[in-house]
Every structure is written in structure tokens, then in C-alpha cells.
C-alpha atoms as a PDB file:
ATOM      1  CA  MET A   1      11.357  25.935   2.217  1.00  0.00           C
ATOM      2  CA  SER A   2      11.091  25.842  -1.534  1.00  0.00           C
ATOM      3  CA  VAL A   3       7.720  23.744  -1.730  1.00  0.00           C
ATOM      4  CA  SER A   4       4.334  25.404  -0.796  1.00  0.00           C
ATOM      5  CA  LEU A   5       3.041  23.474   2.348  1.00  0.00           C
ATOM      6  CA  PRO A   6      -0.489  22.929   3.209  1.00  0.00           C
ATOM      7  CA  ASP A   7      -1.695  24.829   6.326  1.00  0.00           C
ATOM      8  CA  ARG A   8      -1.190  21.659   8.489  1.00  0.00           C
ATOM      9  CA  VAL A   9       1.410  19.076   7.997  1.00  0.00           C
ATOM     10  CA  PHE A  10       2.491  16.005  10.047  1.00  0.00           C
ATOM     11  CA  VAL A  11       6.064  15.340  11.036  1.00  0.00           C
ATOM     12  CA  ILE A  12       7.533  12.293  12.507  1.00  0.00           C
ATOM     13  CA  VAL A  13       9.074  12.508  15.975  1.00  0.00           C
ATOM     14  CA  VAL A  14      11.739   9.942  16.913  1.00  0.00           C
ATOM     15  CA  GLU A  15      12.739   8.461  20.086  1.00  0.00           C
ATOM     16  CA  THR A  16      15.751   9.878  21.843  1.00  0.00           C
ATOM     17  CA  GLU A  17      18.237   8.390  24.386  1.00  0.00           C
ATOM     18  CA  GLY A  18      17.475   9.496  27.996  1.00  0.00           C
ATOM     19  CA  ALA A  19      14.572  11.818  29.163  1.00  0.00           C
ATOM     20  CA  ARG A  20      12.462  13.818  26.909  1.00  0.00           C
ATOM     21  CA  ASP A  21      13.308  17.513  26.607  1.00  0.00           C
ATOM     22  CA  PRO A  22      10.175  19.526  26.477  1.00  0.00           C
ATOM     23  CA  GLU A  23      11.975  22.213  24.484  1.00  0.00           C
ATOM     24  CA  ARG A  24      13.252  20.013  21.778  1.00  0.00           C
ATOM     25  CA  MET A  25      11.415  17.683  19.454  1.00  0.00           C
ATOM     26  CA  PRO A  26      13.787  15.460  17.447  1.00  0.00           C
ATOM     27  CA  LEU A  27      12.174  14.968  14.025  1.00  0.00           C
ATOM     28  CA  LEU A  28      13.133  12.070  11.637  1.00  0.00           C
ATOM     29  CA  SER A  29      15.868  13.376   9.673  1.00  0.00           C
ATOM     30  CA  HIS A  30      19.136  12.544   7.726  1.00  0.00           C
ATOM     31  CA  ALA A  31      21.992  14.848   6.609  1.00  0.00           C
ATOM     32  CA  GLY A  32      21.689  16.144   3.171  1.00  0.00           C
ATOM     33  CA  PRO A  33      24.213  18.136   1.026  1.00  0.00           C
ATOM     34  CA  GLY A  34      26.406  20.576   2.794  1.00  0.00           C
ATOM     35  CA  GLY A  35      25.179  19.113   6.167  1.00  0.00           C
ATOM     36  CA  ALA A  36      21.697  20.202   6.032  1.00  0.00           C
ATOM     37  CA  ARG A  37      19.302  18.188   8.125  1.00  0.00           C
ATOM     38  CA  ARG A  38      16.484  16.994   5.790  1.00  0.00           C
ATOM     39  CA  THR A  39      13.098  16.001   7.547  1.00  0.00           C
ATOM     40  CA  ALA A  40       9.837  14.606   5.965  1.00  0.00           C
ATOM     41  CA  ALA A  41       6.593  16.502   6.370  1.00  0.00           C
ATOM     42  CA  PHE A  42       3.338  14.909   5.112  1.00  0.00           C
ATOM     43  CA  SER A  43       0.087  16.525   4.025  1.00  0.00           C
ATOM     44  CA  SER A  44      -1.991  13.902   5.954  1.00  0.00           C
ATOM     45  CA  MET A  45      -1.720  11.344   8.696  1.00  0.00           C
ATOM     46  CA  LEU A  46      -2.383   8.502   6.141  1.00  0.00           C
ATOM     47  CA  LEU A  47       0.750   9.680   3.997  1.00  0.00           C
ATOM     48  CA  ALA A  48       2.711   9.746   7.211  1.00  0.00           C
ATOM     49  CA  THR A  49       1.901   6.137   8.190  1.00  0.00           C
ATOM     50  CA  THR A  50       2.111   4.780   4.845  1.00  0.00           C
ATOM     51  CA  PHE A  51       5.591   6.380   4.479  1.00  0.00           C
ATOM     52  CA  LEU A  52       6.566   4.461   7.900  1.00  0.00           C
ATOM     53  CA  ASN A  53       5.123   1.243   6.663  1.00  0.00           C
ATOM     54  CA  GLN A  54       6.883   1.392   3.307  1.00  0.00           C
ATOM     55  CA  ALA A  55      10.095   2.384   5.003  1.00  0.00           C
ATOM     56  CA  GLN A  56       9.740  -0.551   7.366  1.00  0.00           C
ATOM     57  CA  GLN A  57       9.097  -3.028   4.351  1.00  0.00           C
ATOM     58  CA  LEU A  58      12.317  -1.557   2.681  1.00  0.00           C
ATOM     59  CA  GLY A  59      14.209  -2.491   5.902  1.00  0.00           C
ATOM     60  CA  HIS A  60      14.520   1.184   7.085  1.00  0.00           C
ATOM     61  CA  PHE A  61      13.983   0.999  10.944  1.00  0.00           C
ATOM     62  CA  VAL A  62      12.440   4.180  12.416  1.00  0.00           C
ATOM     63  CA  LYS A  63      12.306   4.627  16.180  1.00  0.00           C
ATOM     64  CA  LEU A  64       8.790   6.329  16.163  1.00  0.00           C
ATOM     65  CA  ASP A  65       7.789   8.123  19.157  1.00  0.00           C
ATOM     66  CA  TYR A  66       4.717   9.826  17.679  1.00  0.00           C
ATOM     67  CA  ILE A  67       3.488  11.721  14.578  1.00  0.00           C
ATOM     68  CA  PHE A  68       2.775  15.380  15.333  1.00  0.00           C
ATOM     69  CA  PRO A  69       0.606  17.838  13.626  1.00  0.00           C
ATOM     70  CA  ALA A  70       2.548  21.062  12.785  1.00  0.00           C
ATOM     71  CA  ASP A  71       1.233  24.501  11.608  1.00  0.00           C
ATOM     72  CA  ARG A  72       2.963  25.226   8.341  1.00  0.00           C
ATOM     73  CA  ARG A  73       3.237  28.995   9.419  1.00  0.00           C
ATOM     74  CA  ARG A  74       5.369  28.056  12.577  1.00  0.00           C
ATOM     75  CA  LEU A  75       7.371  25.030  10.884  1.00  0.00           C
ATOM     76  CA  ALA A  76      10.512  26.948   9.988  1.00  0.00           C
ATOM     77  CA  GLU A  77      10.440  28.952  13.222  1.00  0.00           C
ATOM     78  CA  ASP A  78       9.804  25.942  15.395  1.00  0.00           C
ATOM     79  CA  PHE A  79      12.406  23.705  13.409  1.00  0.00           C
ATOM     80  CA  PRO A  80      14.899  26.152  12.005  1.00  0.00           C
ATOM     81  CA  GLU A  81      17.583  23.524  11.750  1.00  0.00           C
ATOM     82  CA  TYR A  82      15.521  21.296   9.332  1.00  0.00           C
ATOM     83  CA  GLU A  83      15.084  21.513   5.548  1.00  0.00           C
ATOM     84  CA  VAL A  84      11.579  20.177   4.971  1.00  0.00           C
ATOM     85  CA  ARG A  85      10.644  17.654   2.173  1.00  0.00           C
ATOM     86  CA  LEU A  86       7.024  17.469   1.525  1.00  0.00           C
ATOM     87  CA  ASP A  87       5.330  13.878   0.929  1.00  0.00           C
ATOM     88  CA  PRO A  88       8.679  12.029   0.106  1.00  0.00           C
ATOM     89  CA  SER A  89       8.753   8.402  -0.701  1.00  0.00           C
ATOM     90  CA  PRO A  90      10.840   6.295   1.579  1.00  0.00           C
ATOM     91  CA  GLN A  91      13.392   5.509  -1.356  1.00  0.00           C
ATOM     92  CA  ALA A  92      13.636   9.495  -2.085  1.00  0.00           C
ATOM     93  CA  PHE A  93      14.054  10.233   1.535  1.00  0.00           C
ATOM     94  CA  PHE A  94      16.421   7.654   2.771  1.00  0.00           C
ATOM     95  CA  GLY A  95      18.192   6.985  -0.503  1.00  0.00           C
ATOM     96  CA  GLY A  96      20.612   3.955  -0.918  1.00  0.00           C
ATOM     97  CA  ASP A  97      20.233   0.648   0.881  1.00  0.00           C
ATOM     98  CA  PRO A  98      18.940   0.470   4.270  1.00  0.00           C
ATOM     99  CA  ALA A  99      21.208  -0.098   7.284  1.00  0.00           C
ATOM    100  CA  ALA A 100      21.508  -3.771   8.273  1.00  0.00           C
END
């Protein structure tokens, strides 16, 4: 992570097909350059919910399961497969046009 994160951030957990796996928490993500999985983290619950509201208004449907408070010190350890972006706008996170 190149950005300094606050001690506590909020991540968006999305619904999965089938039963929940207690060992795996699927975060809202998309493929970035080189196949890196990018996820969004928010410095407040308000920013996370605002992001979701704006994304919906732009036509990006997010299958929200819940918003999870995460400890910054454990984020990379708990979610090593993700590259974290702090407080992105929906446009910056999703890029391009929403899926129809």
C-alpha cells in the first residue's frame, strides 16, 4: 500500500454465490493493471455509504453484503490479494461506463 491509511478503515464486502465461507471475505474489487485486484477502503462509514449511493446513481450495481471495519495494521495481512485504494470516487474506482 502506497497511501498512508487511518488506523481504522471500512471495506465493502460483497455477496457471493452459495454459502458463506468464514475464512474468506470477498471485497468489492476489480482487476487493475497486471491483474492486481483493486479494492476500495474508506476512512469513514459515511464515505463508504456515499460511495455506494453515488455508484448506484451512476449505474454501477454493487451486491452489498455488509460494510466491515478493518484494522489498518492487519489489512495487508488479512487481504494480501488486494491492492487498496483509499476513499476513491466511484468514477475513479470503476472507470468507464457501468455495465448495462
